[in-house]
Amino acid sequence: MTATRIIEGLERSPATGSAAQDVARLGFLEWAFTGDEAAQDALNAVAAQRVRSDAARAFVDLLHDACQPLCRAPGRRRRARAH
């Protein structure tokens, strides 16, 4: 399912507060399996830029989080092992 369709559904949701976060997470999980670079594509969509409901805003926040690169903790690099 596209992010636009998920956001359209979330915009119709009356959920607020923690319930909106839960609904947004469900939408995000549904969307998450759509493929590489989908988060950035979704953020570039017009629907993602004009959200109003709490649930849709929470979903867009998750998209932003998904676009952030994962970093290793400092000092936790792999070291070559001598054999």
PDB file of N, CA and C in Angstrom:
ATOM      1  N   MET A   1       0.844  -1.166   0.000  1.00  0.00           N
ATOM      2  CA  MET A   1       0.000   0.000   0.000  1.00  0.00           C
ATOM      3  C   MET A   1       0.896   1.239   0.000  1.00  0.00           C
ATOM      4  N   THR A   2       0.493   2.258  -0.729  1.00  0.00           N
ATOM      5  CA  THR A   2       1.310   3.464  -0.802  1.00  0.00           C
ATOM      6  C   THR A   2       1.120   4.327   0.441  1.00  0.00           C
ATOM      7  N   ALA A   3       2.118   5.143   0.704  1.00  0.00           N
ATOM      8  CA  ALA A   3       2.044   6.050   1.851  1.00  0.00           C
ATOM      9  C   ALA A   3       0.879   7.016   1.694  1.00  0.00           C
ATOM     10  N   THR A   4       0.604   7.428   0.468  1.00  0.00           N
ATOM     11  CA  THR A   4      -0.499   8.358   0.237  1.00  0.00           C
ATOM     12  C   THR A   4      -1.820   7.745   0.687  1.00  0.00           C
ATOM     13  N   ARG A   5      -2.059   6.496   0.339  1.00  0.00           N
ATOM     14  CA  ARG A   5      -3.306   5.835   0.740  1.00  0.00           C
ATOM     15  C   ARG A   5      -3.362   5.646   2.253  1.00  0.00           C
ATOM     16  N   ILE A   6      -2.234   5.326   2.858  1.00  0.00           N
ATOM     17  CA  ILE A   6      -2.206   5.163   4.313  1.00  0.00           C
ATOM     18  C   ILE A   6      -2.502   6.492   4.992  1.00  0.00           C
ATOM     19  N   ILE A   7      -1.884   7.565   4.523  1.00  0.00           N
ATOM     20  CA  ILE A   7      -2.120   8.887   5.113  1.00  0.00           C
ATOM     21  C   ILE A   7      -3.570   9.304   4.930  1.00  0.00           C
ATOM     22  N   GLU A   8      -4.146   9.028   3.761  1.00  0.00           N
ATOM     23  CA  GLU A   8      -5.557   9.360   3.552  1.00  0.00           C
ATOM     24  C   GLU A   8      -6.429   8.648   4.582  1.00  0.00           C
ATOM     25  N   GLY A   9      -6.128   7.383   4.859  1.00  0.00           N
ATOM     26  CA  GLY A   9      -6.875   6.648   5.875  1.00  0.00           C
ATOM     27  C   GLY A   9      -6.648   7.204   7.268  1.00  0.00           C
ATOM     28  N   LEU A  10      -5.407   7.575   7.569  1.00  0.00           N
ATOM     29  CA  LEU A  10      -5.096   8.133   8.883  1.00  0.00           C
ATOM     30  C   LEU A  10      -5.758   9.491   9.088  1.00  0.00           C
ATOM     31  N   GLU A  11      -5.898  10.249   8.020  1.00  0.00           N
ATOM     32  CA  GLU A  11      -6.558  11.553   8.127  1.00  0.00           C
ATOM     33  C   GLU A  11      -8.024  11.391   8.530  1.00  0.00           C
ATOM     34  N   ARG A  12      -8.620  10.262   8.223  1.00  0.00           N
ATOM     35  CA  ARG A  12     -10.014  10.001   8.612  1.00  0.00           C
ATOM     36  C   ARG A  12     -10.115   9.432  10.030  1.00  0.00           C
ATOM     37  N   SER A  13      -8.989   9.125  10.636  1.00  0.00           N
ATOM     38  CA  SER A  13      -8.985   8.523  11.970  1.00  0.00           C
ATOM     39  C   SER A  13      -9.271   9.575  13.036  1.00  0.00           C
ATOM     40  N   PRO A  14     -10.171   9.265  13.957  1.00  0.00           N
ATOM     41  CA  PRO A  14     -10.434  10.187  15.060  1.00  0.00           C
ATOM     42  C   PRO A  14      -9.430  10.028  16.210  1.00  0.00           C
ATOM     43  N   ALA A  15      -8.467   9.133  16.061  1.00  0.00           N
ATOM     44  CA  ALA A  15      -7.511   8.836  17.135  1.00  0.00           C
ATOM     45  C   ALA A  15      -6.670  10.062  17.474  1.00  0.00           C
ATOM     46  N   THR A  16      -6.401  10.220  18.776  1.00  0.00           N
ATOM     47  CA  THR A  16      -5.521  11.289  19.253  1.00  0.00           C
ATOM     48  C   THR A  16      -4.590  10.705  20.309  1.00  0.00           C
ATOM     49  N   GLY A  17      -3.545  11.447  20.626  1.00  0.00           N
ATOM     50  CA  GLY A  17      -2.617  11.031  21.678  1.00  0.00           C
ATOM     51  C   GLY A  17      -1.984   9.681  21.414  1.00  0.00           C
ATOM     52  N   SER A  18      -1.949   8.834  22.426  1.00  0.00           N
ATOM     53  CA  SER A  18      -1.282   7.534  22.286  1.00  0.00           C
ATOM     54  C   SER A  18      -2.012   6.622  21.310  1.00  0.00           C
ATOM     55  N   ALA A  19      -3.326   6.770  21.200  1.00  0.00           N
ATOM     56  CA  ALA A  19      -4.069   5.967  20.221  1.00  0.00           C
ATOM     57  C   ALA A  19      -3.648   6.345  18.800  1.00  0.00           C
ATOM     58  N   ALA A  20      -3.395   7.635  18.564  1.00  0.00           N
ATOM     59  CA  ALA A  20      -2.926   8.072  17.246  1.00  0.00           C
ATOM     60  C   ALA A  20      -1.549   7.487  16.950  1.00  0.00           C
ATOM     61  N   GLN A  21      -0.692   7.432  17.971  1.00  0.00           N
ATOM     62  CA  GLN A  21       0.631   6.824  17.795  1.00  0.00           C
ATOM     63  C   GLN A  21       0.492   5.354  17.415  1.00  0.00           C
ATOM     64  N   ASP A  22      -0.420   4.643  18.070  1.00  0.00           N
ATOM     65  CA  ASP A  22      -0.632   3.224  17.776  1.00  0.00           C
ATOM     66  C   ASP A  22      -1.133   3.015  16.353  1.00  0.00           C
ATOM     67  N   VAL A  23      -2.101   3.830  15.935  1.00  0.00           N
ATOM     68  CA  VAL A  23      -2.643   3.716  14.582  1.00  0.00           C
ATOM     69  C   VAL A  23      -1.556   4.038  13.559  1.00  0.00           C
ATOM     70  N   ALA A  24      -0.755   5.061  13.846  1.00  0.00           N
ATOM     71  CA  ALA A  24       0.334   5.430  12.935  1.00  0.00           C
ATOM     72  C   ALA A  24       1.343   4.300  12.811  1.00  0.00           C
ATOM     73  N   ARG A  25       1.676   3.652  13.909  1.00  0.00           N
ATOM     74  CA  ARG A  25       2.622   2.522  13.867  1.00  0.00           C
ATOM     75  C   ARG A  25       2.075   1.380  13.022  1.00  0.00           C
ATOM     76  N   LEU A  26       0.787   1.103  13.151  1.00  0.00           N
ATOM     77  CA  LEU A  26       0.183   0.059  12.321  1.00  0.00           C
ATOM     78  C   LEU A  26       0.278   0.422  10.841  1.00  0.00           C
ATOM     79  N   GLY A  27      -0.012   1.683  10.529  1.00  0.00           N
ATOM     80  CA  GLY A  27       0.117   2.139   9.145  1.00  0.00           C
ATOM     81  C   GLY A  27       1.551   2.049   8.661  1.00  0.00           C
ATOM     82  N   PHE A  28       2.480   2.419   9.527  1.00  0.00           N
ATOM     83  CA  PHE A  28       3.892   2.364   9.158  1.00  0.00           C
ATOM     84  C   PHE A  28       4.327   0.929   8.900  1.00  0.00           C
ATOM     85  N   LEU A  29       3.921   0.003   9.758  1.00  0.00           N
ATOM     86  CA  LEU A  29       4.291  -1.396   9.562  1.00  0.00           C
ATOM     87  C   LEU A  29       3.694  -1.946   8.272  1.00  0.00           C
ATOM     88  N   GLU A  30       2.481  -1.539   7.956  1.00  0.00           N
ATOM     89  CA  GLU A  30       1.868  -1.970   6.699  1.00  0.00           C
ATOM     90  C   GLU A  30       2.677  -1.451   5.515  1.00  0.00           C
ATOM     91  N   TRP A  31       3.118  -0.213   5.626  1.00  0.00           N
ATOM     92  CA  TRP A  31       3.875   0.409   4.548  1.00  0.00           C
ATOM     93  C   TRP A  31       5.316  -0.105   4.479  1.00  0.00           C
ATOM     94  N   ALA A  32       5.905  -0.457   5.604  1.00  0.00           N
ATOM     95  CA  ALA A  32       7.340  -0.736   5.710  1.00  0.00           C
ATOM     96  C   ALA A  32       7.842  -1.826   4.775  1.00  0.00           C
ATOM     97  N   PHE A  33       6.991  -2.699   4.361  1.00  0.00           N
ATOM     98  CA  PHE A  33       7.422  -3.806   3.525  1.00  0.00           C
ATOM     99  C   PHE A  33       7.285  -3.512   2.038  1.00  0.00           C
ATOM    100  N   THR A  34       7.173  -2.235   1.659  1.00  0.00           N
ATOM    101  CA  THR A  34       6.970  -1.891   0.253  1.00  0.00           C
ATOM    102  C   THR A  34       8.261  -1.778  -0.542  1.00  0.00           C
ATOM    103  N   GLY A  35       9.412  -1.616   0.084  1.00  0.00           N
ATOM    104  CA  GLY A  35      10.659  -1.607  -0.666  1.00  0.00           C
ATOM    105  C   GLY A  35      11.618  -0.507  -0.272  1.00  0.00           C
ATOM    106  N   ASP A  36      12.810  -0.558  -0.883  1.00  0.00           N
ATOM    107  CA  ASP A  36      13.875   0.401  -0.613  1.00  0.00           C
ATOM    108  C   ASP A  36      13.489   1.808  -1.059  1.00  0.00           C
ATOM    109  N   GLU A  37      13.989   2.776  -0.328  1.00  0.00           N
ATOM    110  CA  GLU A  37      13.816   4.197  -0.611  1.00  0.00           C
ATOM    111  C   GLU A  37      12.368   4.654  -0.576  1.00  0.00           C
ATOM    112  N   ALA A  38      11.473   3.805  -0.114  1.00  0.00           N
ATOM    113  CA  ALA A  38      10.062   4.164  -0.075  1.00  0.00           C
ATOM    114  C   ALA A  38       9.790   5.280   0.926  1.00  0.00           C
ATOM    115  N   ALA A  39      10.535   5.338   2.019  1.00  0.00           N
ATOM    116  CA  ALA A  39      10.308   6.384   3.021  1.00  0.00           C
ATOM    117  C   ALA A  39      10.574   7.760   2.437  1.00  0.00           C
ATOM    118  N   GLN A  40      11.678   7.918   1.739  1.00  0.00           N
ATOM    119  CA  GLN A  40      11.982   9.221   1.147  1.00  0.00           C
ATOM    120  C   GLN A  40      10.978   9.574   0.062  1.00  0.00           C
ATOM    121  N   ASP A  41      10.595   8.602  -0.750  1.00  0.00           N
ATOM    122  CA  ASP A  41       9.580   8.841  -1.772  1.00  0.00           C
ATOM    123  C   ASP A  41       8.270   9.288  -1.133  1.00  0.00           C
ATOM    124  N   ALA A  42       7.915   8.654  -0.027  1.00  0.00           N
ATOM    125  CA  ALA A  42       6.677   9.004   0.662  1.00  0.00           C
ATOM    126  C   ALA A  42       6.745  10.418   1.227  1.00  0.00           C
ATOM    127  N   LEU A  43       7.890  10.799   1.773  1.00  0.00           N
ATOM    128  CA  LEU A  43       8.033  12.150   2.315  1.00  0.00           C
ATOM    129  C   LEU A  43       7.957  13.201   1.221  1.00  0.00           C
ATOM    130  N   ASN A  44       8.381  12.842   0.035  1.00  0.00           N
ATOM    131  CA  ASN A  44       8.318  13.777  -1.078  1.00  0.00           C
ATOM    132  C   ASN A  44       6.907  13.928  -1.634  1.00  0.00           C
ATOM    133  N   ALA A  45       6.015  13.017  -1.273  1.00  0.00           N
ATOM    134  CA  ALA A  45       4.638  13.061  -1.756  1.00  0.00           C
ATOM    135  C   ALA A  45       3.903  14.255  -1.149  1.00  0.00           C
ATOM    136  N   VAL A  46       3.003  14.799  -1.897  1.00  0.00           N
ATOM    137  CA  VAL A  46       2.231  15.952  -1.431  1.00  0.00           C
ATOM    138  C   VAL A  46       1.443  15.613  -0.174  1.00  0.00           C
ATOM    139  N   ALA A  47       0.867  14.433  -0.108  1.00  0.00           N
ATOM    140  CA  ALA A  47       0.046  14.059   1.051  1.00  0.00           C
ATOM    141  C   ALA A  47       0.848  14.101   2.344  1.00  0.00           C
ATOM    142  N   ALA A  48       2.113  13.739   2.272  1.00  0.00           N
ATOM    143  CA  ALA A  48       2.942  13.712   3.476  1.00  0.00           C
ATOM    144  C   ALA A  48       3.303  15.113   3.948  1.00  0.00           C
ATOM    145  N   GLN A  49       3.181  16.086   3.087  1.00  0.00           N
ATOM    146  CA  GLN A  49       3.557  17.449   3.446  1.00  0.00           C
ATOM    147  C   GLN A  49       2.380  18.264   3.977  1.00  0.00           C
ATOM    148  N   ARG A  50       1.166  17.754   3.833  1.00  0.00           N
ATOM    149  CA  ARG A  50      -0.018  18.519   4.232  1.00  0.00           C
ATOM    150  C   ARG A  50      -0.899  17.755   5.214  1.00  0.00           C
ATOM    151  N   VAL A  51      -0.325  17.041   6.106  1.00  0.00           N
ATOM    152  CA  VAL A  51      -1.112  16.239   7.038  1.00  0.00           C
ATOM    153  C   VAL A  51      -1.656  17.099   8.170  1.00  0.00           C
ATOM    154  N   ARG A  52      -2.837  16.714   8.680  1.00  0.00           N
ATOM    155  CA  ARG A  52      -3.472  17.491   9.737  1.00  0.00           C
ATOM    156  C   ARG A  52      -3.782  16.660  10.976  1.00  0.00           C
ATOM    157  N   SER A  53      -4.187  15.426  10.800  1.00  0.00           N
ATOM    158  CA  SER A  53      -4.600  14.633  11.964  1.00  0.00           C
ATOM    159  C   SER A  53      -3.390  14.180  12.772  1.00  0.00           C
ATOM    160  N   ASP A  54      -3.627  13.876  14.035  1.00  0.00           N
ATOM    161  CA  ASP A  54      -2.552  13.376  14.903  1.00  0.00           C
ATOM    162  C   ASP A  54      -1.961  12.086  14.358  1.00  0.00           C
ATOM    163  N   ALA A  55      -2.821  11.185  13.881  1.00  0.00           N
ATOM    164  CA  ALA A  55      -2.347   9.896  13.379  1.00  0.00           C
ATOM    165  C   ALA A  55      -1.492  10.068  12.131  1.00  0.00           C
ATOM    166  N   ALA A  56      -1.916  10.931  11.217  1.00  0.00           N
ATOM    167  CA  ALA A  56      -1.143  11.153   9.996  1.00  0.00           C
ATOM    168  C   ALA A  56       0.188  11.828  10.315  1.00  0.00           C
ATOM    169  N   ARG A  57       0.189  12.783  11.248  1.00  0.00           N
ATOM    170  CA  ARG A  57       1.447  13.435  11.644  1.00  0.00           C
ATOM    171  C   ARG A  57       2.400  12.431  12.277  1.00  0.00           C
ATOM    172  N   ALA A  58       1.875  11.534  13.095  1.00  0.00           N
ATOM    173  CA  ALA A  58       2.721  10.512  13.718  1.00  0.00           C
ATOM    174  C   ALA A  58       3.321   9.592  12.662  1.00  0.00           C
ATOM    175  N   PHE A  59       2.546   9.262  11.627  1.00  0.00           N
ATOM    176  CA  PHE A  59       3.043   8.427  10.534  1.00  0.00           C
ATOM    177  C   PHE A  59       4.181   9.131   9.803  1.00  0.00           C
ATOM    178  N   VAL A  60       4.021  10.417   9.522  1.00  0.00           N
ATOM    179  CA  VAL A  60       5.073  11.179   8.845  1.00  0.00           C
ATOM    180  C   VAL A  60       6.322  11.238   9.721  1.00  0.00           C
ATOM    181  N   ASP A  61       6.154  11.351  11.027  1.00  0.00           N
ATOM    182  CA  ASP A  61       7.312  11.317  11.931  1.00  0.00           C
ATOM    183  C   ASP A  61       8.053   9.989  11.813  1.00  0.00           C
ATOM    184  N   LEU A  62       7.310   8.891  11.696  1.00  0.00           N
ATOM    185  CA  LEU A  62       7.943   7.580  11.518  1.00  0.00           C
ATOM    186  C   LEU A  62       8.684   7.506  10.187  1.00  0.00           C
ATOM    187  N   LEU A  63       8.116   8.117   9.141  1.00  0.00           N
ATOM    188  CA  LEU A  63       8.808   8.159   7.847  1.00  0.00           C
ATOM    189  C   LEU A  63      10.124   8.915   7.977  1.00  0.00           C
ATOM    190  N   HIS A  64      10.092  10.041   8.689  1.00  0.00           N
ATOM    191  CA  HIS A  64      11.333  10.799   8.916  1.00  0.00           C
ATOM    192  C   HIS A  64      12.362   9.925   9.630  1.00  0.00           C
ATOM    193  N   ASP A  65      11.916   9.212  10.654  1.00  0.00           N
ATOM    194  CA  ASP A  65      12.826   8.327  11.388  1.00  0.00           C
ATOM    195  C   ASP A  65      13.402   7.248  10.480  1.00  0.00           C
ATOM    196  N   ALA A  66      12.577   6.730   9.579  1.00  0.00           N
ATOM    197  CA  ALA A  66      13.027   5.660   8.677  1.00  0.00           C
ATOM    198  C   ALA A  66      14.083   6.150   7.694  1.00  0.00           C
ATOM    199  N   CYS A  67      14.127   7.445   7.441  1.00  0.00           N
ATOM    200  CA  CYS A  67      15.109   8.003   6.501  1.00  0.00           C
ATOM    201  C   CYS A  67      16.466   8.261   7.149  1.00  0.00           C
ATOM    202  N   GLN A  68      16.531   8.192   8.465  1.00  0.00           N
ATOM    203  CA  GLN A  68      17.786   8.460   9.159  1.00  0.00           C
ATOM    204  C   GLN A  68      18.706   7.249   9.064  1.00  0.00           C
ATOM    205  N   PRO A  69      19.977   7.470   8.735  1.00  0.00           N
ATOM    206  CA  PRO A  69      20.910   6.338   8.667  1.00  0.00           C
ATOM    207  C   PRO A  69      21.157   5.757  10.054  1.00  0.00           C
ATOM    208  N   LEU A  70      21.345   4.470  10.082  1.00  0.00           N
ATOM    209  CA  LEU A  70      21.679   3.803  11.340  1.00  0.00           C
ATOM    210  C   LEU A  70      23.179   3.900  11.550  1.00  0.00           C
ATOM    211  N   CYS A  71      23.584   4.269  12.733  1.00  0.00           N
ATOM    212  CA  CYS A  71      25.009   4.418  13.044  1.00  0.00           C
ATOM    213  C   CYS A  71      25.385   3.447  14.152  1.00  0.00           C
ATOM    214  N   ARG A  72      26.600   2.977  14.090  1.00  0.00           N
ATOM    215  CA  ARG A  72      27.112   2.153  15.180  1.00  0.00           C
ATOM    216  C   ARG A  72      27.507   3.053  16.336  1.00  0.00           C
ATOM    217  N   ALA A  73      27.450   2.512  17.513  1.00  0.00           N
ATOM    218  CA  ALA A  73      27.884   3.262  18.689  1.00  0.00           C
ATOM    219  C   ALA A  73      29.380   3.521  18.583  1.00  0.00           C
ATOM    220  N   PRO A  74      29.860   4.679  19.050  1.00  0.00           N
ATOM    221  CA  PRO A  74      31.296   4.969  18.991  1.00  0.00           C
ATOM    222  C   PRO A  74      32.103   3.906  19.727  1.00  0.00           C
ATOM    223  N   GLY A  75      33.233   3.562  19.158  1.00  0.00           N
ATOM    224  CA  GLY A  75      34.117   2.600  19.796  1.00  0.00           C
ATOM    225  C   GLY A  75      33.681   1.157  19.658  1.00  0.00           C
ATOM    226  N   ARG A  76      32.666   0.907  18.859  1.00  0.00           N
ATOM    227  CA  ARG A  76      32.159  -0.449  18.725  1.00  0.00           C
ATOM    228  C   ARG A  76      32.481  -1.029  17.347  1.00  0.00           C
ATOM    229  N   ARG A  77      33.501  -0.491  16.699  1.00  0.00           N
ATOM    230  CA  ARG A  77      33.894  -1.009  15.390  1.00  0.00           C
ATOM    231  C   ARG A  77      34.465  -2.402  15.511  1.00  0.00           C
ATOM    232  N   ARG A  78      34.326  -3.143  14.442  1.00  0.00           N
ATOM    233  CA  ARG A  78      34.912  -4.484  14.437  1.00  0.00           C
ATOM    234  C   ARG A  78      36.422  -4.382  14.336  1.00  0.00           C
ATOM    235  N   ARG A  79      37.068  -5.226  15.051  1.00  0.00           N
ATOM    236  CA  ARG A  79      38.527  -5.267  14.995  1.00  0.00           C
ATOM    237  C   ARG A  79      38.936  -6.587  14.371  1.00  0.00           C
ATOM    238  N   ALA A  80      39.986  -6.514  13.591  1.00  0.00           N
ATOM    239  CA  ALA A  80      40.498  -7.744  12.971  1.00  0.00           C
ATOM    240  C   ALA A  80      41.037  -8.658  14.055  1.00  0.00           C
ATOM    241  N   ARG A  81      40.749  -9.922  13.921  1.00  0.00           N
ATOM    242  CA  ARG A  81      41.236 -10.900  14.894  1.00  0.00           C
ATOM    243  C   ARG A  81      42.480 -11.577  14.340  1.00  0.00           C
ATOM    244  N   ALA A  82      43.500 -11.653  15.150  1.00  0.00           N
ATOM    245  CA  ALA A  82      44.724 -12.350  14.745  1.00  0.00           C
ATOM    246  C   ALA A  82      44.512 -13.845  14.952  1.00  0.00           C
ATOM    247  N   HIS A  83      44.866 -14.613  13.955  1.00  0.00           N
ATOM    248  CA  HIS A  83      44.713 -16.075  14.067  1.00  0.00           C
ATOM    249  C   HIS A  83      46.031 -16.729  14.312  1.00  0.00           C
TER     250      HIS A  83
END
